C-alpha cells in the first residue's frame, strides 16, 4: 500500500507529486470555499471546459508556427481568464441569460480544443492527458506556477477578506457598504479560473470541479466560519490527493480518478452519517418526551 512513499524518498517525479498536492490544496481550499459559498460551481465548470481550447491553440501555435516558448499552460491561463471575464460581464451587465452564456462558453471551449488537437500535426496525446490529469508528471515549471498562485491568493484574501466575504454571502449588503461588488466578483472569477488551471494538472479538466468543490462542501459541515472552512478544505484536499496517490500507485491506476473517488466517498459517507445521526437524535428526543412522568 505504501510503495508510493518508498518511491518518493528516491524519485523526483514522486516528490514533485507530493509537493504539487500540498501546493494545490491551498488554492483549492481557499478558492473552493468561495465557489461553494457563492454558489458559482456551474460558472467554474464553464471556465474549466474552456481550458482545453487554450491548451489546444497553444500546442497548434507551437507545432505549426514554431512558438516554442508558448507553453500549453499559458494558453490555458489565457483561455480561463478570458472565459471568466466574459461570463462575469454577462452576469453583471448583460440581459442575456447567464446559464445560456455559460453553456455556450463551455461547449465552444471544448469544441475549439478538440479541433486544434485534430489539426495539429504530430503526436498530441499529452493534450488529451489534460482531460484526466496526471499528477505524477508535474514538473518544476508547474510547481512554480502553483507556488505563485498560492502566494497571490493568500495576499488577495488577506487584503480583502471582508470584501470577498460580503460579496459571497450578501451582495446587496456589500453594495450598501460601498463595496465594489462587481470588481470583487470579477476578481473572484479570475482566481477561480487560475485555480481551475492548477487543478487541471492534477485531476484533469473533466474532474476539476469535483476537487474544487467537494473538500469545501465537506468542510462546510464542520466549520463555523469562512476562515475555518478554508483551513478545513485545504487540509481535506491535501488528504484526498495524498490518499489517491498512495492507493493508486501500486495497482498502476490513474491518480486523478482515484483522488476524486476518495473525495466523493468521504463526502457522501459524511452526508449519510450526518443524516442518520440527526434522525437518531431526533427519535431519541421524541422518545424521551413521550415517556410518562411518574
C-alpha atoms as a PDB file:
ATOM      1  CA  UNK A   1       0.000   0.000   0.000  1.00  0.00           C
ATOM      2  CA  UNK A   2       2.806   2.414   0.855  1.00  0.00           C
ATOM      3  CA  UNK A   3       5.054   1.729  -2.142  1.00  0.00           C
ATOM      4  CA  UNK A   4       4.451   5.277  -3.352  1.00  0.00           C
ATOM      5  CA  UNK A   5       6.075   6.764  -0.256  1.00  0.00           C
ATOM      6  CA  UNK A   6       9.067   4.480  -0.635  1.00  0.00           C
ATOM      7  CA  UNK A   7       9.410   5.698  -4.201  1.00  0.00           C
ATOM      8  CA  UNK A   8       9.001   9.325  -3.094  1.00  0.00           C
ATOM      9  CA  UNK A   9      12.138   9.008  -0.977  1.00  0.00           C
ATOM     10  CA  UNK A  10      14.288   8.456  -4.061  1.00  0.00           C
ATOM     11  CA  UNK A  11      12.496   9.638  -7.221  1.00  0.00           C
ATOM     12  CA  UNK A  12      11.945  13.289  -8.101  1.00  0.00           C
ATOM     13  CA  UNK A  13       8.677  12.686 -10.003  1.00  0.00           C
ATOM     14  CA  UNK A  14       7.010  11.266  -6.900  1.00  0.00           C
ATOM     15  CA  UNK A  15       8.439  14.094  -4.804  1.00  0.00           C
ATOM     16  CA  UNK A  16       7.045  16.645  -7.248  1.00  0.00           C
ATOM     17  CA  UNK A  17       3.643  14.951  -6.995  1.00  0.00           C
ATOM     18  CA  UNK A  18       3.627  15.302  -3.199  1.00  0.00           C
ATOM     19  CA  UNK A  19       4.683  18.959  -3.377  1.00  0.00           C
ATOM     20  CA  UNK A  20       2.054  19.648  -6.050  1.00  0.00           C
ATOM     21  CA  UNK A  21      -0.661  18.023  -3.918  1.00  0.00           C
ATOM     22  CA  UNK A  22       0.214  20.230  -0.953  1.00  0.00           C
ATOM     23  CA  UNK A  23       0.511  23.417  -3.007  1.00  0.00           C
ATOM     24  CA  UNK A  24      -2.687  22.933  -4.971  1.00  0.00           C
ATOM     25  CA  UNK A  25      -4.578  22.205  -1.753  1.00  0.00           C
ATOM     26  CA  UNK A  26      -4.022  25.766  -0.549  1.00  0.00           C
ATOM     27  CA  UNK A  27      -5.569  27.299  -3.673  1.00  0.00           C
ATOM     28  CA  UNK A  28      -8.296  24.654  -3.816  1.00  0.00           C
ATOM     29  CA  UNK A  29      -9.307  25.120  -0.181  1.00  0.00           C
ATOM     30  CA  UNK A  30      -9.468  28.909  -0.272  1.00  0.00           C
ATOM     31  CA  UNK A  31     -10.986  29.494  -3.701  1.00  0.00           C
ATOM     32  CA  UNK A  32     -13.174  26.388  -3.494  1.00  0.00           C
ATOM     33  CA  UNK A  33     -14.752  27.718  -0.299  1.00  0.00           C
ATOM     34  CA  UNK A  34     -15.684  30.953  -2.074  1.00  0.00           C
ATOM     35  CA  UNK A  35     -17.076  28.985  -5.031  1.00  0.00           C
ATOM     36  CA  UNK A  36     -19.263  26.823  -2.771  1.00  0.00           C
ATOM     37  CA  UNK A  37     -20.493  29.714  -0.616  1.00  0.00           C
ATOM     38  CA  UNK A  38     -21.171  31.971  -3.639  1.00  0.00           C
ATOM     39  CA  UNK A  39     -22.769  29.025  -5.498  1.00  0.00           C
ATOM     40  CA  UNK A  40     -20.882  29.564  -8.742  1.00  0.00           C
ATOM     41  CA  UNK A  41     -19.902  25.935  -9.346  1.00  0.00           C
ATOM     42  CA  UNK A  42     -21.556  25.995 -12.777  1.00  0.00           C
ATOM     43  CA  UNK A  43     -19.519  29.052 -13.753  1.00  0.00           C
ATOM     44  CA  UNK A  44     -16.319  27.317 -12.628  1.00  0.00           C
ATOM     45  CA  UNK A  45     -17.277  24.297 -14.725  1.00  0.00           C
ATOM     46  CA  UNK A  46     -17.758  26.505 -17.791  1.00  0.00           C
ATOM     47  CA  UNK A  47     -14.336  28.068 -17.265  1.00  0.00           C
ATOM     48  CA  UNK A  48     -12.756  24.635 -16.816  1.00  0.00           C
ATOM     49  CA  UNK A  49     -14.014  23.366 -20.139  1.00  0.00           C
ATOM     50  CA  UNK A  50     -12.621  26.413 -21.950  1.00  0.00           C
ATOM     51  CA  UNK A  51      -9.151  25.458 -20.759  1.00  0.00           C
ATOM     52  CA  UNK A  52      -8.850  22.704 -23.369  1.00  0.00           C
ATOM     53  CA  UNK A  53      -9.343  25.273 -26.138  1.00  0.00           C
ATOM     54  CA  UNK A  54      -6.452  27.379 -24.836  1.00  0.00           C
ATOM     55  CA  UNK A  55      -4.196  24.360 -24.493  1.00  0.00           C
ATOM     56  CA  UNK A  56      -5.031  23.126 -27.978  1.00  0.00           C
ATOM     57  CA  UNK A  57      -4.406  26.559 -29.513  1.00  0.00           C
ATOM     58  CA  UNK A  58      -1.057  26.853 -27.729  1.00  0.00           C
ATOM     59  CA  UNK A  59       0.104  23.458 -28.983  1.00  0.00           C
ATOM     60  CA  UNK A  60      -1.043  24.307 -32.505  1.00  0.00           C
ATOM     61  CA  UNK A  61       0.981  27.543 -32.471  1.00  0.00           C
ATOM     62  CA  UNK A  62       3.967  25.650 -31.110  1.00  0.00           C
ATOM     63  CA  UNK A  63       3.869  22.970 -33.771  1.00  0.00           C
ATOM     64  CA  UNK A  64       2.797  24.893 -36.878  1.00  0.00           C
ATOM     65  CA  UNK A  65       4.321  28.342 -36.304  1.00  0.00           C
ATOM     66  CA  UNK A  66       7.246  27.448 -34.055  1.00  0.00           C
ATOM     67  CA  UNK A  67       6.103  29.365 -30.973  1.00  0.00           C
ATOM     68  CA  UNK A  68       8.163  27.068 -28.770  1.00  0.00           C
ATOM     69  CA  UNK A  69       8.009  29.413 -25.778  1.00  0.00           C
ATOM     70  CA  UNK A  70       4.195  29.385 -25.776  1.00  0.00           C
ATOM     71  CA  UNK A  71       3.563  26.511 -23.378  1.00  0.00           C
ATOM     72  CA  UNK A  72       0.063  24.940 -23.243  1.00  0.00           C
ATOM     73  CA  UNK A  73      -0.191  26.177 -19.654  1.00  0.00           C
ATOM     74  CA  UNK A  74      -0.023  29.765 -20.934  1.00  0.00           C
ATOM     75  CA  UNK A  75      -2.809  29.029 -23.388  1.00  0.00           C
ATOM     76  CA  UNK A  76      -4.858  27.512 -20.571  1.00  0.00           C
ATOM     77  CA  UNK A  77      -4.396  30.610 -18.410  1.00  0.00           C
ATOM     78  CA  UNK A  78      -5.401  32.971 -21.207  1.00  0.00           C
ATOM     79  CA  UNK A  79      -8.461  30.895 -22.104  1.00  0.00           C
ATOM     80  CA  UNK A  80      -9.561  30.513 -18.470  1.00  0.00           C
ATOM     81  CA  UNK A  81      -9.189  34.205 -17.658  1.00  0.00           C
ATOM     82  CA  UNK A  82     -10.916  35.187 -20.903  1.00  0.00           C
ATOM     83  CA  UNK A  83     -13.838  32.862 -20.199  1.00  0.00           C
ATOM     84  CA  UNK A  84     -14.124  34.155 -16.625  1.00  0.00           C
ATOM     85  CA  UNK A  85     -14.154  37.762 -17.861  1.00  0.00           C
ATOM     86  CA  UNK A  86     -16.869  37.085 -20.463  1.00  0.00           C
ATOM     87  CA  UNK A  87     -19.072  35.110 -18.061  1.00  0.00           C
ATOM     88  CA  UNK A  88     -18.606  37.726 -15.350  1.00  0.00           C
ATOM     89  CA  UNK A  89     -19.506  40.560 -17.726  1.00  0.00           C
ATOM     90  CA  UNK A  90     -22.615  38.725 -18.912  1.00  0.00           C
ATOM     91  CA  UNK A  91     -23.619  38.006 -15.330  1.00  0.00           C
ATOM     92  CA  UNK A  92     -23.231  41.615 -14.207  1.00  0.00           C
ATOM     93  CA  UNK A  93     -24.148  43.783 -17.181  1.00  0.00           C
ATOM     94  CA  UNK A  94     -25.869  41.818 -19.933  1.00  0.00           C
ATOM     95  CA  UNK A  95     -29.548  40.962 -20.249  1.00  0.00           C
ATOM     96  CA  UNK A  96     -28.577  37.586 -21.685  1.00  0.00           C
ATOM     97  CA  UNK A  97     -29.407  34.573 -19.523  1.00  0.00           C
ATOM     98  CA  UNK A  98     -26.327  33.635 -17.521  1.00  0.00           C
ATOM     99  CA  UNK A  99     -26.809  29.878 -17.901  1.00  0.00           C
ATOM    100  CA  UNK A 100     -27.062  30.235 -21.682  1.00  0.00           C
ATOM    101  CA  UNK A 101     -23.798  32.185 -21.838  1.00  0.00           C
ATOM    102  CA  UNK A 102     -22.041  29.610 -19.636  1.00  0.00           C
ATOM    103  CA  UNK A 103     -23.319  26.726 -21.764  1.00  0.00           C
ATOM    104  CA  UNK A 104     -22.107  28.480 -24.910  1.00  0.00           C
ATOM    105  CA  UNK A 105     -18.628  29.120 -23.468  1.00  0.00           C
ATOM    106  CA  UNK A 106     -18.491  25.557 -22.136  1.00  0.00           C
ATOM    107  CA  UNK A 107     -19.283  23.918 -25.488  1.00  0.00           C
ATOM    108  CA  UNK A 108     -17.230  26.352 -27.603  1.00  0.00           C
ATOM    109  CA  UNK A 109     -14.138  25.872 -25.429  1.00  0.00           C
ATOM    110  CA  UNK A 110     -14.272  22.099 -25.663  1.00  0.00           C
ATOM    111  CA  UNK A 111     -15.063  22.174 -29.387  1.00  0.00           C
ATOM    112  CA  UNK A 112     -12.160  24.538 -30.106  1.00  0.00           C
ATOM    113  CA  UNK A 113      -9.807  22.325 -28.108  1.00  0.00           C
ATOM    114  CA  UNK A 114     -10.826  19.195 -29.981  1.00  0.00           C
ATOM    115  CA  UNK A 115     -10.446  20.952 -33.369  1.00  0.00           C
ATOM    116  CA  UNK A 116      -6.991  22.327 -32.533  1.00  0.00           C
ATOM    117  CA  UNK A 117      -5.867  18.900 -31.359  1.00  0.00           C
ATOM    118  CA  UNK A 118      -7.196  17.357 -34.565  1.00  0.00           C
ATOM    119  CA  UNK A 119      -5.458  19.780 -36.944  1.00  0.00           C
ATOM    120  CA  UNK A 120      -2.147  19.840 -35.058  1.00  0.00           C
ATOM    121  CA  UNK A 121       0.324  17.572 -36.881  1.00  0.00           C
ATOM    122  CA  UNK A 122       2.296  15.010 -34.925  1.00  0.00           C
ATOM    123  CA  UNK A 123       1.659  13.395 -31.577  1.00  0.00           C
ATOM    124  CA  UNK A 124      -0.876  15.214 -29.380  1.00  0.00           C
ATOM    125  CA  UNK A 125      -1.625  12.535 -26.793  1.00  0.00           C
ATOM    126  CA  UNK A 126      -0.269  14.702 -23.986  1.00  0.00           C
ATOM    127  CA  UNK A 127      -3.026  17.237 -24.642  1.00  0.00           C
ATOM    128  CA  UNK A 128      -5.663  14.573 -24.189  1.00  0.00           C
ATOM    129  CA  UNK A 129      -3.943  13.776 -20.906  1.00  0.00           C
ATOM    130  CA  UNK A 130      -5.091  17.167 -19.657  1.00  0.00           C
ATOM    131  CA  UNK A 131      -8.663  15.860 -19.738  1.00  0.00           C
ATOM    132  CA  UNK A 132      -7.889  13.397 -16.955  1.00  0.00           C
ATOM    133  CA  UNK A 133      -4.674  14.810 -15.491  1.00  0.00           C
ATOM    134  CA  UNK A 134      -1.528  13.078 -14.253  1.00  0.00           C
ATOM    135  CA  UNK A 135      -0.077  14.376 -11.032  1.00  0.00           C
ATOM    136  CA  UNK A 136       2.964  12.113 -11.434  1.00  0.00           C
ATOM    137  CA  UNK A 137       4.030  14.124 -14.497  1.00  0.00           C
ATOM    138  CA  UNK A 138       4.018  17.507 -12.743  1.00  0.00           C
ATOM    139  CA  UNK A 139       7.241  19.399 -13.498  1.00  0.00           C
ATOM    140  CA  UNK A 140       9.181  22.098 -11.689  1.00  0.00           C
ATOM    141  CA  UNK A 141       7.596  24.588 -14.067  1.00  0.00           C
ATOM    142  CA  UNK A 142       4.173  23.583 -12.771  1.00  0.00           C
ATOM    143  CA  UNK A 143       5.324  23.748  -9.148  1.00  0.00           C
ATOM    144  CA  UNK A 144       6.488  27.343  -9.615  1.00  0.00           C
ATOM    145  CA  UNK A 145       3.091  28.210 -11.066  1.00  0.00           C
ATOM    146  CA  UNK A 146       1.304  26.580  -8.116  1.00  0.00           C
ATOM    147  CA  UNK A 147       3.514  28.384  -5.608  1.00  0.00           C
ATOM    148  CA  UNK A 148       2.950  31.730  -7.318  1.00  0.00           C
ATOM    149  CA  UNK A 149      -0.806  31.125  -7.376  1.00  0.00           C
ATOM    150  CA  UNK A 150      -0.856  30.295  -3.654  1.00  0.00           C
ATOM    151  CA  UNK A 151       1.050  33.468  -2.829  1.00  0.00           C
ATOM    152  CA  UNK A 152      -1.291  35.559  -4.996  1.00  0.00           C
ATOM    153  CA  UNK A 153      -4.422  34.080  -3.411  1.00  0.00           C
ATOM    154  CA  UNK A 154      -3.080  34.460   0.132  1.00  0.00           C
ATOM    155  CA  UNK A 155      -2.164  38.103  -0.465  1.00  0.00           C
ATOM    156  CA  UNK A 156      -5.522  38.994  -2.030  1.00  0.00           C
ATOM    157  CA  UNK A 157      -7.562  37.173   0.616  1.00  0.00           C
ATOM    158  CA  UNK A 158      -5.516  38.733   3.422  1.00  0.00           C
ATOM    159  CA  UNK A 159      -6.048  42.189   1.920  1.00  0.00           C
ATOM    160  CA  UNK A 160      -9.750  41.876   1.016  1.00  0.00           C
ATOM    161  CA  UNK A 161     -11.106  39.065   3.165  1.00  0.00           C
ATOM    162  CA  UNK A 162     -14.103  41.072   4.410  1.00  0.00           C
ATOM    163  CA  UNK A 163     -14.939  42.331   0.921  1.00  0.00           C
ATOM    164  CA  UNK A 164     -14.847  38.836  -0.602  1.00  0.00           C
ATOM    165  CA  UNK A 165     -16.947  37.501   2.262  1.00  0.00           C
ATOM    166  CA  UNK A 166     -19.550  40.238   1.857  1.00  0.00           C
ATOM    167  CA  UNK A 167     -19.822  39.650  -1.906  1.00  0.00           C
ATOM    168  CA  UNK A 168     -20.182  35.879  -1.417  1.00  0.00           C
ATOM    169  CA  UNK A 169     -22.779  35.936   1.367  1.00  0.00           C
ATOM    170  CA  UNK A 170     -24.818  39.073   0.647  1.00  0.00           C
ATOM    171  CA  UNK A 171     -24.062  41.111  -2.451  1.00  0.00           C
ATOM    172  CA  UNK A 172     -26.753  43.669  -1.679  1.00  0.00           C
ATOM    173  CA  UNK A 173     -25.288  44.267   1.771  1.00  0.00           C
ATOM    174  CA  UNK A 174     -21.868  44.687   0.165  1.00  0.00           C
ATOM    175  CA  UNK A 175     -23.233  47.414  -2.091  1.00  0.00           C
ATOM    176  CA  UNK A 176     -24.762  49.259   0.874  1.00  0.00           C
ATOM    177  CA  UNK A 177     -21.311  49.274   2.465  1.00  0.00           C
ATOM    178  CA  UNK A 178     -19.904  50.956  -0.661  1.00  0.00           C
ATOM    179  CA  UNK A 179     -18.030  47.810  -1.686  1.00  0.00           C
ATOM    180  CA  UNK A 180     -17.450  47.499  -5.423  1.00  0.00           C
ATOM    181  CA  UNK A 181     -19.248  44.154  -5.692  1.00  0.00           C
ATOM    182  CA  UNK A 182     -18.718  43.898  -9.447  1.00  0.00           C
ATOM    183  CA  UNK A 183     -14.948  44.315  -9.145  1.00  0.00           C
ATOM    184  CA  UNK A 184     -14.605  41.695  -6.408  1.00  0.00           C
ATOM    185  CA  UNK A 185     -16.912  39.296  -8.239  1.00  0.00           C
ATOM    186  CA  UNK A 186     -14.785  39.512 -11.400  1.00  0.00           C
ATOM    187  CA  UNK A 187     -11.626  39.181  -9.287  1.00  0.00           C
ATOM    188  CA  UNK A 188     -13.062  36.065  -7.643  1.00  0.00           C
ATOM    189  CA  UNK A 189     -13.843  34.589 -11.060  1.00  0.00           C
ATOM    190  CA  UNK A 190     -10.258  35.328 -12.128  1.00  0.00           C
ATOM    191  CA  UNK A 191      -8.867  33.493  -9.089  1.00  0.00           C
ATOM    192  CA  UNK A 192     -11.261  30.640  -9.808  1.00  0.00           C
ATOM    193  CA  UNK A 193     -10.005  30.474 -13.396  1.00  0.00           C
ATOM    194  CA  UNK A 194      -6.353  30.262 -12.291  1.00  0.00           C
ATOM    195  CA  UNK A 195      -7.230  27.615  -9.696  1.00  0.00           C
ATOM    196  CA  UNK A 196      -9.034  25.603 -12.351  1.00  0.00           C
ATOM    197  CA  UNK A 197      -5.858  25.643 -14.482  1.00  0.00           C
ATOM    198  CA  UNK A 198      -3.842  24.484 -11.472  1.00  0.00           C
ATOM    199  CA  UNK A 199      -6.260  21.658 -10.662  1.00  0.00           C
ATOM    200  CA  UNK A 200      -6.365  20.518 -14.292  1.00  0.00           C
ATOM    201  CA  UNK A 201      -2.722  19.495 -13.905  1.00  0.00           C
ATOM    202  CA  UNK A 202      -3.699  17.240 -11.002  1.00  0.00           C
ATOM    203  CA  UNK A 203      -7.032  15.603 -11.877  1.00  0.00           C
ATOM    204  CA  UNK A 204      -7.717  16.883 -15.402  1.00  0.00           C
ATOM    205  CA  UNK A 205     -10.349  19.174 -16.874  1.00  0.00           C
ATOM    206  CA  UNK A 206     -13.147  16.613 -16.624  1.00  0.00           C
ATOM    207  CA  UNK A 207     -12.755  16.117 -12.856  1.00  0.00           C
ATOM    208  CA  UNK A 208     -11.539  19.544 -11.801  1.00  0.00           C
ATOM    209  CA  UNK A 209     -14.885  20.781 -10.462  1.00  0.00           C
ATOM    210  CA  UNK A 210     -15.198  17.804  -8.115  1.00  0.00           C
ATOM    211  CA  UNK A 211     -11.869  18.555  -6.433  1.00  0.00           C
ATOM    212  CA  UNK A 212     -12.643  22.272  -6.321  1.00  0.00           C
ATOM    213  CA  UNK A 213     -15.969  21.834  -4.549  1.00  0.00           C
ATOM    214  CA  UNK A 214     -16.029  18.527  -2.613  1.00  0.00           C
ATOM    215  CA  UNK A 215     -13.427  19.426   0.053  1.00  0.00           C
ATOM    216  CA  UNK A 216     -15.061  22.823   0.580  1.00  0.00           C
ATOM    217  CA  UNK A 217     -18.574  21.344   0.735  1.00  0.00           C
ATOM    218  CA  UNK A 218     -17.383  18.757   3.251  1.00  0.00           C
ATOM    219  CA  UNK A 219     -15.543  21.388   5.287  1.00  0.00           C
ATOM    220  CA  UNK A 220     -18.687  23.500   5.411  1.00  0.00           C
ATOM    221  CA  UNK A 221     -20.348  20.816   7.545  1.00  0.00           C
ATOM    222  CA  UNK A 222     -17.835  21.291  10.359  1.00  0.00           C
ATOM    223  CA  UNK A 223     -16.526  24.836  10.100  1.00  0.00           C
ATOM    224  CA  UNK A 224     -18.225  27.642  11.955  1.00  0.00           C
ATOM    225  CA  UNK A 225     -16.722  30.440   9.865  1.00  0.00           C
ATOM    226  CA  UNK A 226     -15.446  31.028   6.351  1.00  0.00           C
ATOM    227  CA  UNK A 227     -11.840  31.169   7.534  1.00  0.00           C
ATOM    228  CA  UNK A 228     -12.153  27.800   9.289  1.00  0.00           C
ATOM    229  CA  UNK A 229     -13.903  26.418   6.225  1.00  0.00           C
ATOM    230  CA  UNK A 230     -10.904  27.392   4.093  1.00  0.00           C
ATOM    231  CA  UNK A 231      -8.482  25.741   6.522  1.00  0.00           C
ATOM    232  CA  UNK A 232     -10.542  22.545   6.707  1.00  0.00           C
ATOM    233  CA  UNK A 233     -10.985  22.444   2.925  1.00  0.00           C
ATOM    234  CA  UNK A 234      -7.245  22.857   2.301  1.00  0.00           C
ATOM    235  CA  UNK A 235      -6.429  20.063   4.738  1.00  0.00           C
ATOM    236  CA  UNK A 236      -9.056  17.747   3.271  1.00  0.00           C
ATOM    237  CA  UNK A 237      -7.892  18.439  -0.283  1.00  0.00           C
ATOM    238  CA  UNK A 238      -4.308  17.565   0.687  1.00  0.00           C
ATOM    239  CA  UNK A 239      -5.528  14.408   2.423  1.00  0.00           C
ATOM    240  CA  UNK A 240      -7.562  13.287  -0.594  1.00  0.00           C
ATOM    241  CA  UNK A 241      -4.708  13.968  -3.036  1.00  0.00           C
ATOM    242  CA  UNK A 242      -2.116  12.111  -0.961  1.00  0.00           C
ATOM    243  CA  UNK A 243      -4.506   9.225  -0.315  1.00  0.00           C
ATOM    244  CA  UNK A 244      -5.246   8.964  -4.033  1.00  0.00           C
ATOM    245  CA  UNK A 245      -1.536   8.841  -4.806  1.00  0.00           C
ATOM    246  CA  UNK A 246      -0.984   6.203  -2.143  1.00  0.00           C
ATOM    247  CA  UNK A 247      -3.746   3.822  -3.197  1.00  0.00           C
ATOM    248  CA  UNK A 248      -3.368   4.210  -6.979  1.00  0.00           C
ATOM    249  CA  UNK A 249       0.405   3.796  -7.269  1.00  0.00           C
ATOM    250  CA  UNK A 250       0.901   0.027  -6.800  1.00  0.00           C
ATOM    251  CA  UNK A 251      -2.064  -1.079  -8.999  1.00  0.00           C
ATOM    252  CA  UNK A 252      -0.865   1.471 -11.602  1.00  0.00           C
ATOM    253  CA  UNK A 253      -4.233   3.250 -11.687  1.00  0.00           C
ATOM    254  CA  UNK A 254      -4.765   6.875 -12.758  1.00  0.00           C
ATOM    255  CA  UNK A 255      -4.245   9.068  -9.709  1.00  0.00           C
ATOM    256  CA  UNK A 256      -6.811  11.721 -10.708  1.00  0.00           C
ATOM    257  CA  UNK A 257      -9.895   9.473 -10.698  1.00  0.00           C
ATOM    258  CA  UNK A 258      -8.643   7.783  -7.510  1.00  0.00           C
ATOM    259  CA  UNK A 259      -8.431  11.168  -5.775  1.00  0.00           C
ATOM    260  CA  UNK A 260     -11.970  12.077  -6.832  1.00  0.00           C
ATOM    261  CA  UNK A 261     -13.420   8.715  -5.783  1.00  0.00           C
ATOM    262  CA  UNK A 262     -11.905   9.110  -2.322  1.00  0.00           C
ATOM    263  CA  UNK A 263     -13.159  12.703  -2.040  1.00  0.00           C
ATOM    264  CA  UNK A 264     -16.632  11.778  -3.271  1.00  0.00           C
ATOM    265  CA  UNK A 265     -16.797   8.748  -0.990  1.00  0.00           C
ATOM    266  CA  UNK A 266     -15.833  10.847   2.025  1.00  0.00           C
ATOM    267  CA  UNK A 267     -18.444  13.454   1.135  1.00  0.00           C
ATOM    268  CA  UNK A 268     -21.328  11.003   0.757  1.00  0.00           C
ATOM    269  CA  UNK A 269     -20.354   8.929   3.798  1.00  0.00           C
ATOM    270  CA  UNK A 270     -20.310  12.115   5.871  1.00  0.00           C
ATOM    271  CA  UNK A 271     -23.605  13.302   4.416  1.00  0.00           C
ATOM    272  CA  UNK A 272     -25.362   9.986   5.089  1.00  0.00           C
ATOM    273  CA  UNK A 273     -23.778   9.662   8.525  1.00  0.00           C
ATOM    274  CA  UNK A 274     -24.870  13.170   9.478  1.00  0.00           C
ATOM    275  CA  UNK A 275     -28.415  12.488   8.295  1.00  0.00           C
ATOM    276  CA  UNK A 276     -28.638   9.213  10.240  1.00  0.00           C
ATOM    277  CA  UNK A 277     -27.228  10.828  13.369  1.00  0.00           C
ATOM    278  CA  UNK A 278     -29.759  13.667  13.168  1.00  0.00           C
ATOM    279  CA  UNK A 279     -32.640  11.230  12.765  1.00  0.00           C
ATOM    280  CA  UNK A 280     -31.456   9.026  15.634  1.00  0.00           C
ATOM    281  CA  UNK A 281     -31.007  12.065  17.827  1.00  0.00           C
ATOM    282  CA  UNK A 282     -34.436  13.387  16.899  1.00  0.00           C
ATOM    283  CA  UNK A 283     -36.004   9.992  17.600  1.00  0.00           C
ATOM    284  CA  UNK A 284     -34.234   9.824  20.951  1.00  0.00           C
ATOM    285  CA  UNK A 285     -35.596  13.248  21.899  1.00  0.00           C
ATOM    286  CA  UNK A 286     -39.108  12.232  20.835  1.00  0.00           C
ATOM    287  CA  UNK A 287     -38.940   9.001  22.865  1.00  0.00           C
ATOM    288  CA  UNK A 288     -37.702  10.920  25.869  1.00  0.00           C
ATOM    289  CA  UNK A 289     -40.542  13.408  25.616  1.00  0.00           C
ATOM    290  CA  UNK A 290     -43.067  10.621  25.146  1.00  0.00           C
ATOM    291  CA  UNK A 291     -42.162   8.844  28.425  1.00  0.00           C
ATOM    292  CA  UNK A 292     -44.861   9.182  31.082  1.00  0.00           C
ATOM    293  CA  UNK A 293     -43.950  11.188  34.121  1.00  0.00           C
ATOM    294  CA  UNK A 294     -44.090   9.389  37.480  1.00  0.00           C
END
